[in-house]
N, C-alpha and C. Protein backbone atom coordinates (compact mmCIF):
# COMPACT_ATOMS: atom_id res chain seq x y z
N MET A 1 -20.78 -23.40 -50.19
CA MET A 1 -19.53 -23.27 -49.71
C MET A 1 -19.25 -22.19 -50.27
N PRO A 2 -18.65 -20.90 -49.55
CA PRO A 2 -18.36 -19.51 -50.30
C PRO A 2 -17.13 -19.95 -51.31
N ARG A 3 -17.05 -19.29 -52.22
CA ARG A 3 -16.15 -19.14 -53.23
C ARG A 3 -15.22 -17.83 -53.06
N PHE A 4 -13.77 -18.12 -53.07
CA PHE A 4 -12.78 -16.87 -52.65
C PHE A 4 -12.31 -16.77 -54.26
N THR A 5 -12.11 -15.28 -54.30
CA THR A 5 -11.15 -15.04 -55.66
C THR A 5 -9.72 -14.71 -55.19
N ALA A 6 -9.02 -14.52 -56.28
CA ALA A 6 -7.64 -14.27 -55.67
C ALA A 6 -7.49 -12.76 -55.70
N LEU A 7 -8.36 -12.04 -56.54
CA LEU A 7 -8.33 -10.48 -56.19
C LEU A 7 -8.20 -9.98 -54.85
N PRO A 8 -9.43 -10.35 -53.92
CA PRO A 8 -9.31 -9.81 -52.45
C PRO A 8 -8.08 -10.25 -51.88
N CYS A 9 -7.60 -11.46 -52.02
CA CYS A 9 -6.44 -11.96 -51.34
C CYS A 9 -5.04 -11.16 -52.02
N ILE A 10 -5.11 -11.13 -53.13
CA ILE A 10 -4.10 -10.13 -53.63
C ILE A 10 -3.92 -8.62 -53.01
N THR A 11 -5.22 -7.99 -52.81
CA THR A 11 -5.51 -6.75 -52.31
C THR A 11 -4.97 -6.75 -50.94
N PHE A 12 -5.16 -7.79 -50.13
CA PHE A 12 -5.28 -8.10 -48.69
C PHE A 12 -3.43 -7.94 -48.45
N VAL A 13 -2.97 -8.65 -49.22
CA VAL A 13 -1.55 -8.99 -49.24
C VAL A 13 -0.88 -7.68 -49.80
N SER A 14 -1.31 -6.80 -50.85
CA SER A 14 -0.70 -5.83 -51.14
C SER A 14 -1.02 -4.80 -49.78
N LEU A 15 -2.05 -4.52 -49.41
CA LEU A 15 -2.24 -3.63 -48.04
C LEU A 15 -1.28 -3.95 -47.01
N LEU A 16 -1.06 -5.43 -46.43
CA LEU A 16 -0.31 -5.59 -45.60
C LEU A 16 1.31 -5.25 -45.87
N MET A 17 1.80 -5.64 -47.17
CA MET A 17 3.17 -5.03 -47.67
C MET A 17 3.21 -3.50 -47.53
N ALA A 18 2.15 -2.81 -48.07
CA ALA A 18 2.09 -1.49 -47.72
C ALA A 18 2.45 -0.79 -46.51
N GLY A 19 1.75 -1.50 -45.43
CA GLY A 19 1.75 -1.29 -44.27
C GLY A 19 3.07 -1.58 -43.28
N CYS A 20 3.98 -2.33 -44.30
CA CYS A 20 5.52 -2.50 -43.62
C CYS A 20 6.06 -1.20 -43.70
N THR A 21 6.03 -0.41 -44.69
CA THR A 21 6.92 0.98 -45.04
C THR A 21 5.95 1.83 -44.88
N SER A 22 6.39 3.07 -44.61
CA SER A 22 5.96 4.44 -44.33
C SER A 22 6.77 5.51 -44.65
N LEU A 23 6.36 6.81 -44.32
CA LEU A 23 7.21 7.70 -44.67
C LEU A 23 8.08 7.84 -43.46
N SER A 24 7.99 7.48 -42.24
CA SER A 24 8.80 7.17 -41.22
C SER A 24 10.30 6.49 -41.47
N ASN A 25 10.29 6.02 -42.51
CA ASN A 25 11.70 5.17 -42.99
C ASN A 25 12.31 6.08 -43.82
N VAL A 26 11.88 7.40 -44.35
CA VAL A 26 12.47 8.38 -45.03
C VAL A 26 13.38 9.03 -44.11
N SER A 27 14.89 9.19 -44.28
CA SER A 27 15.76 9.67 -43.21
C SER A 27 16.10 11.15 -44.14
N PRO A 28 16.55 12.25 -43.17
CA PRO A 28 17.09 13.66 -43.87
C PRO A 28 18.40 12.97 -44.57
N GLY A 29 18.18 13.75 -45.65
CA GLY A 29 19.28 13.82 -46.54
C GLY A 29 18.72 12.68 -47.62
N THR A 30 17.76 12.21 -47.64
CA THR A 30 17.11 11.60 -48.86
C THR A 30 16.64 12.36 -49.99
N ALA A 31 16.81 12.37 -51.40
CA ALA A 31 16.37 13.08 -52.41
C ALA A 31 14.91 12.97 -52.08
N LEU A 32 14.17 14.19 -52.49
CA LEU A 32 12.86 14.14 -52.49
C LEU A 32 12.19 13.48 -53.69
N ASP A 33 12.98 13.35 -54.79
CA ASP A 33 12.55 12.27 -55.82
C ASP A 33 12.50 10.85 -55.31
N THR A 34 13.28 10.46 -54.62
CA THR A 34 13.24 9.16 -54.09
C THR A 34 12.22 9.01 -53.32
N ALA A 35 11.77 10.00 -52.41
CA ALA A 35 10.67 9.57 -51.53
C ALA A 35 9.35 9.57 -52.72
N ILE A 36 9.18 10.77 -53.21
CA ILE A 36 8.20 10.55 -54.27
C ILE A 36 7.99 9.30 -54.97
N ASN A 37 9.20 8.76 -55.70
CA ASN A 37 8.97 7.26 -56.18
C ASN A 37 8.32 6.51 -55.58
N GLU A 38 9.11 6.31 -53.85
CA GLU A 38 8.56 5.25 -53.09
C GLU A 38 6.75 5.39 -52.67
N TYR A 39 6.54 6.82 -52.44
CA TYR A 39 5.53 7.07 -51.74
C TYR A 39 4.40 7.87 -52.30
N GLY A 40 4.79 8.14 -53.52
CA GLY A 40 3.80 8.82 -54.40
C GLY A 40 3.82 10.19 -54.60
N THR A 41 2.94 10.96 -55.35
CA THR A 41 2.96 12.42 -55.46
C THR A 41 2.60 12.97 -53.99
N PRO A 42 3.24 14.11 -53.62
CA PRO A 42 2.57 14.51 -52.44
C PRO A 42 1.34 15.39 -52.52
N THR A 43 0.54 15.46 -51.52
CA THR A 43 -0.62 16.08 -51.18
C THR A 43 -0.56 17.39 -51.92
N GLN A 44 0.43 18.18 -51.34
CA GLN A 44 0.47 19.57 -51.56
C GLN A 44 2.12 19.96 -51.43
N ARG A 45 2.47 20.89 -51.89
CA ARG A 45 3.86 21.51 -51.85
C ARG A 45 3.69 22.97 -51.37
N CYS A 46 4.43 23.65 -50.48
CA CYS A 46 4.44 24.97 -49.96
C CYS A 46 5.80 25.44 -50.10
N ASN A 47 6.03 26.12 -51.42
CA ASN A 47 7.26 26.53 -51.66
C ASN A 47 7.50 28.12 -51.48
N ASN A 48 6.10 28.77 -51.04
CA ASN A 48 6.28 30.25 -50.37
C ASN A 48 7.01 30.46 -49.05
N VAL A 49 7.57 29.19 -48.55
CA VAL A 49 8.36 29.44 -47.23
C VAL A 49 9.80 28.49 -47.26
N LYS A 50 10.56 29.07 -46.87
CA LYS A 50 11.98 28.40 -46.70
C LYS A 50 12.20 27.71 -45.32
N PRO A 51 12.60 26.65 -45.54
CA PRO A 51 12.85 25.52 -46.49
C PRO A 51 11.38 25.20 -47.06
N GLU A 52 11.31 24.66 -48.16
CA GLU A 52 9.94 24.50 -48.74
C GLU A 52 9.31 23.20 -48.03
N LEU A 53 8.00 23.14 -47.74
CA LEU A 53 7.37 22.26 -46.98
C LEU A 53 6.60 21.17 -48.09
N VAL A 54 6.78 19.78 -47.85
CA VAL A 54 6.10 18.93 -48.55
C VAL A 54 5.24 18.13 -48.08
N ASN A 55 3.95 17.78 -48.30
CA ASN A 55 3.16 16.88 -47.25
C ASN A 55 2.48 16.05 -48.30
N TRP A 56 2.33 14.82 -47.69
CA TRP A 56 1.61 13.54 -47.64
C TRP A 56 0.70 13.27 -46.78
N SER A 57 -0.72 13.58 -47.19
CA SER A 57 -1.62 13.26 -46.34
C SER A 57 -2.71 12.14 -46.67
N THR A 58 -3.39 11.75 -45.61
CA THR A 58 -4.28 10.67 -45.76
C THR A 58 -6.01 11.22 -45.37
N GLN A 59 -5.77 12.51 -45.29
CA GLN A 59 -7.44 13.25 -44.83
C GLN A 59 -7.96 13.25 -46.14
N PRO A 60 -9.19 12.98 -46.31
CA PRO A 60 -10.04 13.27 -45.04
C PRO A 60 -10.46 12.12 -44.26
N MET A 61 -10.21 10.97 -44.84
CA MET A 61 -10.71 9.74 -44.11
C MET A 61 -9.59 8.75 -43.24
N GLY A 62 -8.15 9.27 -43.61
CA GLY A 62 -6.94 8.69 -42.83
C GLY A 62 -6.55 9.76 -41.63
N TYR A 63 -5.63 9.05 -40.89
CA TYR A 63 -5.26 9.72 -39.73
C TYR A 63 -4.06 10.33 -39.60
N TYR A 64 -3.25 10.16 -40.67
CA TYR A 64 -1.52 10.47 -40.85
C TYR A 64 -1.33 11.72 -41.91
N ALA A 65 -0.31 12.51 -41.56
CA ALA A 65 -0.01 13.27 -42.91
C ALA A 65 1.59 13.50 -42.40
N TRP A 66 2.32 13.34 -43.28
CA TRP A 66 3.79 13.47 -42.96
C TRP A 66 4.13 14.83 -43.62
N THR A 67 5.33 15.46 -43.08
CA THR A 67 5.44 17.17 -43.84
C THR A 67 6.91 17.03 -43.52
N ALA A 68 7.63 16.84 -44.70
CA ALA A 68 9.04 17.31 -45.00
C ALA A 68 9.46 18.61 -45.21
N GLU A 69 10.57 18.98 -44.50
CA GLU A 69 11.09 20.15 -44.96
C GLU A 69 12.23 19.61 -45.99
N VAL A 70 12.36 20.81 -47.24
CA VAL A 70 13.08 20.32 -48.21
C VAL A 70 13.93 21.64 -48.65
N ASP A 71 15.18 21.53 -48.73
CA ASP A 71 16.08 22.70 -49.13
C ASP A 71 16.01 22.72 -50.93
N GLU A 72 16.83 23.74 -51.26
CA GLU A 72 16.71 24.10 -52.55
C GLU A 72 17.39 23.09 -53.71
N GLN A 73 17.85 21.99 -53.23
CA GLN A 73 18.41 21.00 -53.97
C GLN A 73 17.46 19.87 -54.07
N ASN A 74 16.39 19.94 -53.37
CA ASN A 74 15.49 19.02 -53.27
C ASN A 74 15.70 17.94 -52.44
N ILE A 75 16.50 18.17 -51.39
CA ILE A 75 16.92 17.07 -50.22
C ILE A 75 15.93 17.23 -49.01
N ILE A 76 15.56 16.41 -48.62
CA ILE A 76 14.76 16.33 -47.43
C ILE A 76 15.65 16.63 -45.87
N LEU A 77 15.44 17.72 -45.30
CA LEU A 77 16.19 17.82 -44.12
C LEU A 77 15.76 17.46 -42.88
N SER A 78 14.22 17.24 -43.03
CA SER A 78 13.62 16.49 -41.58
C SER A 78 12.12 16.03 -42.35
N ILE A 79 11.77 15.02 -41.64
CA ILE A 79 10.14 14.68 -41.88
C ILE A 79 9.62 14.21 -40.58
N GLN A 80 8.29 14.44 -40.56
CA GLN A 80 7.64 14.16 -39.35
C GLN A 80 6.34 13.82 -39.66
N GLN A 81 5.50 13.10 -38.83
CA GLN A 81 3.99 12.49 -38.66
C GLN A 81 3.54 13.94 -38.02
N MET A 82 2.76 14.93 -38.83
CA MET A 82 2.24 16.05 -38.08
C MET A 82 0.81 15.66 -37.22
N LEU A 83 -0.02 14.76 -37.73
CA LEU A 83 -1.29 14.43 -36.98
C LEU A 83 -1.11 13.27 -35.83
N SER A 84 -0.31 13.99 -34.86
CA SER A 84 0.03 13.07 -33.69
C SER A 84 -0.08 14.24 -32.36
N ASP A 85 -0.29 13.65 -31.03
CA ASP A 85 -0.16 14.38 -30.15
C ASP A 85 1.16 15.33 -30.17
N GLU A 86 2.21 14.79 -30.55
CA GLU A 86 3.50 15.44 -30.41
C GLU A 86 3.50 16.70 -31.83
N GLY A 87 2.59 16.44 -32.78
CA GLY A 87 2.73 17.14 -33.92
C GLY A 87 1.63 18.46 -33.59
N PHE A 88 0.66 18.19 -32.66
CA PHE A 88 -0.53 19.19 -32.37
C PHE A 88 0.44 19.88 -31.11
N ARG A 89 1.20 19.61 -30.36
CA ARG A 89 1.85 20.36 -29.34
C ARG A 89 2.38 21.39 -30.09
N GLN A 90 2.86 21.48 -31.28
CA GLN A 90 3.58 22.70 -32.05
C GLN A 90 2.46 23.75 -32.05
N LEU A 91 1.36 23.54 -32.03
CA LEU A 91 0.45 24.50 -32.04
C LEU A 91 0.49 25.56 -30.83
N ASP A 92 1.10 25.14 -29.93
CA ASP A 92 1.13 25.96 -28.46
C ASP A 92 2.43 26.84 -28.63
N GLN A 93 3.40 26.54 -29.27
CA GLN A 93 4.71 27.23 -29.43
C GLN A 93 4.76 28.08 -30.40
N HIS A 94 3.91 28.54 -31.03
CA HIS A 94 3.94 29.48 -32.03
C HIS A 94 2.49 30.28 -32.33
N ASP A 95 2.48 31.22 -33.21
CA ASP A 95 1.48 32.11 -33.67
C ASP A 95 1.27 31.40 -35.00
N TRP A 96 -0.07 30.83 -35.09
CA TRP A 96 -0.08 29.91 -36.48
C TRP A 96 -1.12 30.86 -37.04
N ASN A 97 -1.39 31.03 -38.56
CA ASN A 97 -2.31 31.18 -39.43
C ASN A 97 -2.77 30.00 -40.21
N ALA A 98 -4.17 30.20 -40.73
CA ALA A 98 -4.40 29.09 -41.76
C ALA A 98 -3.52 28.53 -42.70
N SER A 99 -2.80 29.57 -43.32
CA SER A 99 -1.98 29.05 -44.44
C SER A 99 -0.83 28.15 -43.93
N MET A 100 -0.10 28.61 -42.75
CA MET A 100 0.93 27.80 -42.39
C MET A 100 0.24 26.53 -41.78
N ILE A 101 -0.82 26.35 -41.24
CA ILE A 101 -1.37 25.12 -40.70
C ILE A 101 -1.70 24.21 -41.89
N ALA A 102 -2.08 24.88 -42.89
CA ALA A 102 -2.12 24.06 -44.13
C ALA A 102 -1.04 23.44 -44.96
N CYS A 103 -0.02 24.21 -44.80
CA CYS A 103 1.46 23.90 -45.28
C CYS A 103 1.87 22.62 -44.19
N TRP A 104 1.72 22.71 -42.99
CA TRP A 104 2.42 21.97 -42.05
C TRP A 104 1.71 20.56 -42.01
N TYR A 105 0.31 20.86 -41.67
CA TYR A 105 -0.52 19.52 -41.50
C TYR A 105 -1.41 19.03 -42.61
N GLY A 106 -1.37 19.88 -43.89
CA GLY A 106 -2.24 19.41 -45.11
C GLY A 106 -3.42 19.90 -44.83
N PRO A 107 -4.43 19.32 -46.07
CA PRO A 107 -5.75 19.86 -45.74
C PRO A 107 -6.46 19.15 -44.74
N PRO A 108 -7.42 19.69 -44.30
CA PRO A 108 -8.23 19.18 -43.09
C PRO A 108 -9.36 18.26 -43.46
N ALA A 109 -9.73 17.27 -42.73
CA ALA A 109 -10.61 16.36 -42.98
C ALA A 109 -11.84 16.70 -43.23
N VAL A 110 -12.28 18.36 -42.08
CA VAL A 110 -13.52 18.96 -42.33
C VAL A 110 -13.24 20.35 -42.37
N ASP A 111 -13.58 21.08 -43.30
CA ASP A 111 -13.71 22.70 -43.22
C ASP A 111 -15.36 23.19 -43.17
N GLU A 112 -15.53 23.65 -41.88
CA GLU A 112 -16.89 24.33 -41.64
C GLU A 112 -16.74 25.60 -40.96
N PHE A 113 -17.87 26.20 -40.60
CA PHE A 113 -17.91 27.49 -39.80
C PHE A 113 -18.67 26.97 -38.44
N ALA A 114 -18.45 27.31 -37.35
CA ALA A 114 -18.88 27.24 -35.89
C ALA A 114 -19.30 28.43 -35.36
N ARG A 115 -20.43 28.60 -34.74
CA ARG A 115 -20.69 29.80 -33.87
C ARG A 115 -20.47 29.42 -32.01
N TRP A 116 -19.69 30.18 -31.58
CA TRP A 116 -19.66 30.05 -30.10
C TRP A 116 -19.54 31.35 -29.58
N LYS A 117 -20.20 31.36 -28.48
CA LYS A 117 -20.39 32.82 -27.66
C LYS A 117 -20.75 33.91 -28.66
N GLY A 118 -21.82 33.92 -29.55
CA GLY A 118 -22.17 34.80 -30.74
C GLY A 118 -21.12 35.02 -31.68
N VAL A 119 -19.86 34.49 -31.75
CA VAL A 119 -18.86 34.58 -32.60
C VAL A 119 -18.93 33.32 -33.75
N THR A 120 -18.78 33.63 -35.11
CA THR A 120 -18.39 32.50 -36.03
C THR A 120 -17.04 32.38 -36.41
N TYR A 121 -16.76 31.28 -36.18
CA TYR A 121 -15.20 30.76 -36.65
C TYR A 121 -15.09 29.92 -37.48
N ARG A 122 -14.08 30.08 -38.59
CA ARG A 122 -13.81 28.99 -39.57
C ARG A 122 -13.46 27.77 -38.62
N THR A 123 -13.35 26.75 -38.91
CA THR A 123 -13.32 25.47 -38.23
C THR A 123 -12.60 24.58 -38.92
N TRP A 124 -11.33 24.07 -38.70
CA TRP A 124 -10.82 22.94 -39.44
C TRP A 124 -10.63 21.63 -38.55
N SER A 125 -10.97 20.49 -38.95
CA SER A 125 -10.95 19.35 -38.14
C SER A 125 -9.91 18.44 -38.92
N TYR A 126 -8.98 17.98 -38.06
CA TYR A 126 -8.26 16.95 -38.62
C TYR A 126 -8.21 15.49 -37.94
N ARG A 127 -8.41 14.58 -38.80
CA ARG A 127 -8.39 13.03 -37.90
C ARG A 127 -7.09 12.59 -37.48
N TYR A 128 -6.86 11.84 -36.36
CA TYR A 128 -5.62 11.54 -35.86
C TYR A 128 -5.96 10.30 -34.79
N LYS A 129 -4.94 9.90 -34.46
CA LYS A 129 -5.01 8.65 -33.36
C LYS A 129 -4.22 9.38 -32.04
N GLN A 130 -5.18 9.67 -31.26
CA GLN A 130 -4.97 10.57 -30.02
C GLN A 130 -4.37 9.49 -29.02
N GLY A 131 -3.31 9.76 -28.49
CA GLY A 131 -2.17 8.69 -27.65
C GLY A 131 -1.97 7.66 -28.59
N GLY A 132 -1.76 7.79 -29.81
CA GLY A 132 -1.44 6.84 -30.92
C GLY A 132 -2.36 5.92 -30.95
N ALA A 133 -3.57 5.82 -30.30
CA ALA A 133 -4.55 4.53 -30.55
C ALA A 133 -6.05 5.07 -30.61
N PHE A 134 -6.57 6.05 -30.17
CA PHE A 134 -8.02 6.65 -30.38
C PHE A 134 -8.25 7.37 -31.30
N ASN A 135 -9.22 6.84 -32.13
CA ASN A 135 -9.69 7.76 -33.44
C ASN A 135 -10.27 9.24 -32.97
N SER A 136 -9.71 10.15 -33.25
CA SER A 136 -10.24 11.29 -32.65
C SER A 136 -9.92 12.56 -33.70
N LEU A 137 -10.48 13.84 -33.63
CA LEU A 137 -10.13 14.92 -34.40
C LEU A 137 -9.57 15.86 -33.42
N MET A 138 -8.80 16.72 -34.13
CA MET A 138 -8.18 17.93 -33.59
C MET A 138 -8.97 19.06 -34.20
N TYR A 139 -9.87 19.78 -33.48
CA TYR A 139 -10.71 20.99 -33.87
C TYR A 139 -9.78 22.04 -33.73
N MET A 140 -9.59 23.03 -34.95
CA MET A 140 -8.69 24.14 -34.99
C MET A 140 -9.67 25.54 -35.29
N TYR A 141 -9.70 26.51 -34.50
CA TYR A 141 -10.81 27.75 -34.64
C TYR A 141 -10.03 28.87 -34.93
N PHE A 142 -10.22 29.32 -36.26
CA PHE A 142 -9.44 30.82 -36.87
C PHE A 142 -10.60 31.79 -36.60
N ASN A 143 -9.89 33.06 -36.13
CA ASN A 143 -10.83 34.17 -36.45
C ASN A 143 -10.88 34.83 -37.96
N GLU A 144 -11.45 35.89 -37.98
CA GLU A 144 -11.93 36.50 -39.20
C GLU A 144 -10.29 36.56 -39.99
N LYS A 145 -9.39 36.98 -39.34
CA LYS A 145 -8.16 37.32 -39.98
C LYS A 145 -7.54 35.77 -40.55
N GLY A 146 -7.90 34.82 -40.06
CA GLY A 146 -7.29 33.64 -40.31
C GLY A 146 -6.46 33.07 -39.57
N GLN A 147 -6.26 33.99 -38.05
CA GLN A 147 -5.31 33.35 -36.87
C GLN A 147 -6.04 32.31 -36.15
N LEU A 148 -5.25 31.22 -35.95
CA LEU A 148 -5.40 30.17 -35.12
C LEU A 148 -5.89 31.08 -33.67
N VAL A 149 -7.12 30.57 -33.02
CA VAL A 149 -7.23 31.10 -31.45
C VAL A 149 -7.83 29.97 -30.71
N HIS A 150 -7.89 28.94 -31.19
CA HIS A 150 -8.27 27.97 -30.16
C HIS A 150 -7.93 26.52 -30.90
N HIS A 151 -7.62 25.61 -29.94
CA HIS A 151 -7.67 24.26 -30.76
C HIS A 151 -7.81 23.14 -29.55
N HIS A 152 -8.31 22.02 -29.90
CA HIS A 152 -8.80 20.85 -28.75
C HIS A 152 -9.20 19.60 -29.40
N PRO A 153 -8.77 18.71 -28.80
CA PRO A 153 -9.15 17.28 -29.55
C PRO A 153 -10.63 16.62 -28.98
N GLY A 154 -10.88 15.97 -29.56
CA GLY A 154 -12.45 15.13 -29.38
C GLY A 154 -12.44 14.18 -30.01
N PRO A 155 -13.52 13.06 -29.77
CA PRO A 155 -13.67 11.91 -30.35
C PRO A 155 -14.05 12.03 -31.93
N ASP A 156 -13.56 11.01 -32.77
CA ASP A 156 -14.23 11.09 -34.05
C ASP A 156 -15.57 10.66 -34.19
N PRO A 157 -16.40 11.48 -34.66
CA PRO A 157 -17.87 11.52 -34.79
C PRO A 157 -18.12 10.23 -35.31
N ARG A 158 -17.20 9.66 -36.65
CA ARG A 158 -17.55 8.41 -37.23
C ARG A 158 -17.70 7.32 -36.38
N ASP A 159 -16.79 7.40 -35.15
CA ASP A 159 -17.26 6.07 -34.12
C ASP A 159 -18.21 6.16 -33.17
N ILE A 160 -18.62 7.27 -32.97
CA ILE A 160 -19.81 7.64 -32.03
C ILE A 160 -21.04 7.28 -32.96
N ASN A 161 -21.27 7.83 -34.25
CA ASN A 161 -22.22 7.30 -35.35
C ASN A 161 -22.23 5.87 -35.32
N ASP A 162 -20.98 5.21 -35.25
CA ASP A 162 -20.97 3.64 -35.55
C ASP A 162 -21.32 2.93 -34.20
N GLY A 163 -21.65 3.61 -33.25
CA GLY A 163 -22.19 3.06 -31.84
C GLY A 163 -21.02 2.51 -31.08
N ILE A 164 -19.84 2.85 -31.25
CA ILE A 164 -18.67 2.47 -30.55
C ILE A 164 -18.88 3.14 -29.05
N PHE A 165 -19.38 4.16 -28.88
CA PHE A 165 -19.60 4.83 -27.40
C PHE A 165 -21.14 4.52 -26.99
N ARG A 166 -21.80 3.49 -27.64
CA ARG A 166 -23.18 3.44 -27.03
C ARG A 166 -23.03 2.55 -25.65
N GLY A 167 -23.98 3.04 -24.92
CA GLY A 167 -24.05 2.53 -23.77
C GLY A 167 -23.08 3.36 -22.58
N MET A 168 -22.63 4.40 -23.07
CA MET A 168 -21.81 5.07 -22.07
C MET A 168 -22.76 6.27 -21.42
N ASP A 169 -23.89 6.54 -22.15
CA ASP A 169 -24.57 7.74 -21.55
C ASP A 169 -25.54 7.60 -20.44
């Protein structure tokens, strides 16, 4: 008969409880210190822009990154989950460089170089739930000046390697 210990059960219950709350519960007007006390130290802070951008990311293995705009009094003006279809649509609305993408989207899951049509691009990939459900990567390609020149979604290779897509070829 298998033996169970309390530790896995406690860990499981803790994970369930943690899933009940997320940064989506933080509303504008909340003090940044309150969000930090509740959700932990941000992954990064970009204070070279106004308003300041504060990011909590689950990359490289997770699928979420929350970015808050914070005023000079450390009050959250807005907060949004950037690793989503809606978040990535913003890439079509402005000219982006690598520095601003890092501030808004957090660190990428993968940072590498890729060659396409004889040109080498720095490529960042972000894990996210495409359509809110499918494990995917958003690939971003930067030119030698660090400007975003192209982006597109694709399946998360971890799923392909795990055999989820077997039998589809």
